[in-house]
């Protein structure tokens, strides 16, 4: 088994090179071989398998096969959720990827579910995260706004602003964007309240 594991690692490194060169079919073929080897050699809950599924997912995403990408990423997520110790940082990244894919295919309710799972994992993670907490709150706000839950969107945008202000590397343009979202949804809430009051006079 060890020689197969080494072979899988070699395939994976070559696949990453093809991926970076945007030769996605060649990358996909090798990532699949890696996955097959690991399925044969490793326990079904080994995190190396999660990496394989995630890699296949990211190639399908680049190729525009979003539903297949979601399926592969969810397989990776399911393994990571069972891993001991649990790597909340990696779990946050995979949940965020799934959320972005659902957002891309215009399923805001599903995207919201996975953005919120991203946030829960970020809160539990003790490591530095590539995913920005403020941006995640803003993404949650946008999904709430998409499904006309303006009050929840308002609160999420407010949280995004608070988080960005507290950040040690605060981004002024991002802060302005969050403030714009906050203002816009506030206007929608005001219009809804005015309409409600008008209809109940």
Foldseek 3Di string as FASTA:
>chain_A
DVVLLVVLVVLQVVLVVCVVVVVLVSSLVSLVSSLVSCVVPHDLLDLSNLVSLQSNLVSCVVVVVLVSSLVSLVSSLVSLVPDVPRQLQVNLVSLQVNLVSCVVVPPLVSSLVSLVSSLVSVVVHPDDHPDQNLVSLQSNLVSCVVVPVLVSSLVSLVVSLVSLVPDPPRDPVVNVVSVVSNVVSVVVVVVVVVVVVVVVD
